[in-house]
């Protein structure tokens, strides 16, 4: 092995170590972690059982933090949320301010515009709804 190849291996190992530390080992590396913990606590305090499904912007991140089954928030708006709720028996919708698409702006600003979405409360600007799709 030439000295250049050896240096390249050392640089790659060091960069891999830095990436591992920053992205995996360092606690709280995802900005949503603490927020999702607080949202989950709110759901539990509101009577949610652990097996009830939530629709969220980042389902993998929410699941890792809470263990709650989740579905990704679709881009099509509240009617699609209710269709997902009916199809997959989802019980809650978590609407984050960073994930407010135009289709969701109205329900983010006004809590009672859709009878299938019952506003439960808010955790740090995250709006939480119980889902009641039409049967």
Protein backbone atom coordinates (compact mmCIF):
# COMPACT_ATOMS: atom_id res chain seq x y z
CA UNK A 1 0.00 0.00 0.00
CA UNK A 2 1.40 3.38 -0.95
CA UNK A 3 1.52 6.29 1.54
CA UNK A 4 -1.24 8.10 -0.40
CA UNK A 5 -3.54 5.11 -0.15
CA UNK A 6 -2.81 4.82 3.56
CA UNK A 7 -3.65 8.49 4.13
CA UNK A 8 -6.87 8.09 2.15
CA UNK A 9 -7.90 5.15 4.36
CA UNK A 10 -7.15 7.18 7.51
CA UNK A 11 -9.18 10.16 6.23
CA UNK A 12 -12.13 7.89 5.36
CA UNK A 13 -12.07 6.24 8.78
CA UNK A 14 -11.93 9.62 10.54
CA UNK A 15 -14.78 11.04 8.47
CA UNK A 16 -16.87 7.93 9.10
CA UNK A 17 -16.26 8.30 12.84
CA UNK A 18 -17.30 11.97 12.79
CA UNK A 19 -20.46 11.19 10.81
CA UNK A 20 -21.32 8.32 13.15
CA UNK A 21 -20.91 10.56 16.21
CA UNK A 22 -22.86 13.51 14.83
CA UNK A 23 -25.70 11.64 13.11
CA UNK A 24 -26.19 8.51 15.21
CA UNK A 25 -24.56 8.53 18.64
CA UNK A 26 -25.16 12.12 19.67
CA UNK A 27 -28.48 12.27 21.55
CA UNK A 28 -31.19 14.46 20.10
CA UNK A 29 -29.71 14.62 16.62
CA UNK A 30 -33.13 15.03 15.06
CA UNK A 31 -34.80 18.37 15.85
CA UNK A 32 -38.18 16.65 16.16
CA UNK A 33 -37.05 14.24 18.90
CA UNK A 34 -37.95 16.35 21.91
CA UNK A 35 -41.04 17.74 20.24
CA UNK A 36 -42.32 14.25 19.36
CA UNK A 37 -41.76 13.12 22.96
CA UNK A 38 -43.93 16.04 24.14
CA UNK A 39 -46.61 15.34 21.53
CA UNK A 40 -46.69 11.66 22.52
CA UNK A 41 -47.02 12.62 26.18
CA UNK A 42 -49.96 14.87 25.24
CA UNK A 43 -51.63 11.99 23.37
CA UNK A 44 -51.19 9.64 26.32
CA UNK A 45 -52.56 12.25 28.73
CA UNK A 46 -55.52 12.70 26.35
CA UNK A 47 -56.34 9.00 26.65
CA UNK A 48 -54.63 7.59 23.55
CA UNK A 49 -53.66 3.94 23.78
CA UNK A 50 -50.22 2.92 22.52
CA UNK A 51 -51.61 0.91 19.59
CA UNK A 52 -53.69 3.75 18.10
CA UNK A 53 -52.29 5.02 14.80
CA UNK A 54 -51.24 8.63 14.22
CA UNK A 55 -50.77 10.45 10.93
CA UNK A 56 -47.63 12.60 11.08
CA UNK A 57 -45.15 14.42 8.83
CA UNK A 58 -42.22 12.16 9.77
CA UNK A 59 -43.59 8.70 10.62
CA UNK A 60 -40.22 6.99 11.03
CA UNK A 61 -38.93 9.67 13.40
CA UNK A 62 -42.14 9.68 15.42
CA UNK A 63 -42.15 5.89 15.67
CA UNK A 64 -38.52 5.76 16.82
CA UNK A 65 -39.23 8.26 19.60
CA UNK A 66 -42.63 6.95 20.70
CA UNK A 67 -43.14 3.40 19.45
CA UNK A 68 -46.57 4.48 18.17
CA UNK A 69 -47.64 3.14 14.75
CA UNK A 70 -47.73 6.02 12.26
CA UNK A 71 -48.69 6.90 8.69
CA UNK A 72 -47.15 9.66 6.59
CA UNK A 73 -49.17 12.85 6.15
CA UNK A 74 -50.32 13.00 2.52
CA UNK A 75 -50.01 16.23 0.51
CA UNK A 76 -53.67 16.25 -0.55
CA UNK A 77 -55.32 17.84 2.49
CA UNK A 78 -57.89 16.99 5.16
CA UNK A 79 -60.17 14.84 3.00
CA UNK A 80 -57.27 12.51 2.24
CA UNK A 81 -56.37 12.42 5.95
CA UNK A 82 -59.91 11.24 6.72
CA UNK A 83 -59.78 8.66 3.91
CA UNK A 84 -56.51 7.31 5.36
CA UNK A 85 -58.05 7.28 8.82
CA UNK A 86 -61.00 5.25 7.56
CA UNK A 87 -58.84 2.84 5.57
CA UNK A 88 -56.10 2.23 8.16
CA UNK A 89 -58.05 2.97 11.35
CA UNK A 90 -55.88 5.97 12.26
CA UNK A 91 -57.02 7.87 15.34
CA UNK A 92 -54.87 11.02 15.47
CA UNK A 93 -53.44 13.66 13.17
CA UNK A 94 -50.36 15.64 14.22
CA UNK A 95 -49.95 18.86 12.22
CA UNK A 96 -46.58 20.52 12.67
CA UNK A 97 -46.06 24.18 11.75
CA UNK A 98 -43.09 23.20 9.56
CA UNK A 99 -45.30 20.79 7.66
CA UNK A 100 -48.23 23.04 6.89
CA UNK A 101 -48.81 22.73 3.18
CA UNK A 102 -51.30 25.01 1.49
CA UNK A 103 -53.92 22.25 1.65
CA UNK A 104 -53.67 22.22 5.47
CA UNK A 105 -53.37 25.95 6.12
CA UNK A 106 -57.07 26.41 6.88
CA UNK A 107 -57.23 23.66 9.53
CA UNK A 108 -53.97 24.90 11.04
CA UNK A 109 -55.38 28.41 11.47
CA UNK A 110 -59.01 27.49 12.27
CA UNK A 111 -59.63 24.45 14.42
CA UNK A 112 -63.24 23.64 13.60
CA UNK A 113 -63.50 23.83 9.81
CA UNK A 114 -63.72 20.06 9.22
CA UNK A 115 -66.18 17.95 11.24
CA UNK A 116 -64.00 14.86 10.85
CA UNK A 117 -61.10 16.53 12.68
CA UNK A 118 -61.63 17.26 16.37
CA UNK A 119 -59.03 19.68 17.73
CA UNK A 120 -57.53 18.27 20.94
CA UNK A 121 -54.84 20.82 21.69
CA UNK A 122 -51.42 22.12 20.91
CA UNK A 123 -47.83 21.37 21.93
CA UNK A 124 -45.31 24.04 20.92
CA UNK A 125 -47.35 25.10 17.86
CA UNK A 126 -48.03 21.47 16.84
CA UNK A 127 -51.79 21.03 16.41
CA UNK A 128 -53.20 17.67 17.45
CA UNK A 129 -56.52 16.34 16.18
CA UNK A 130 -58.61 13.25 16.85
CA UNK A 131 -59.86 11.73 13.62
CA UNK A 132 -63.53 10.89 13.07
CA UNK A 133 -63.98 9.84 9.46
CA UNK A 134 -67.52 9.40 8.17
CA UNK A 135 -68.55 5.79 8.36
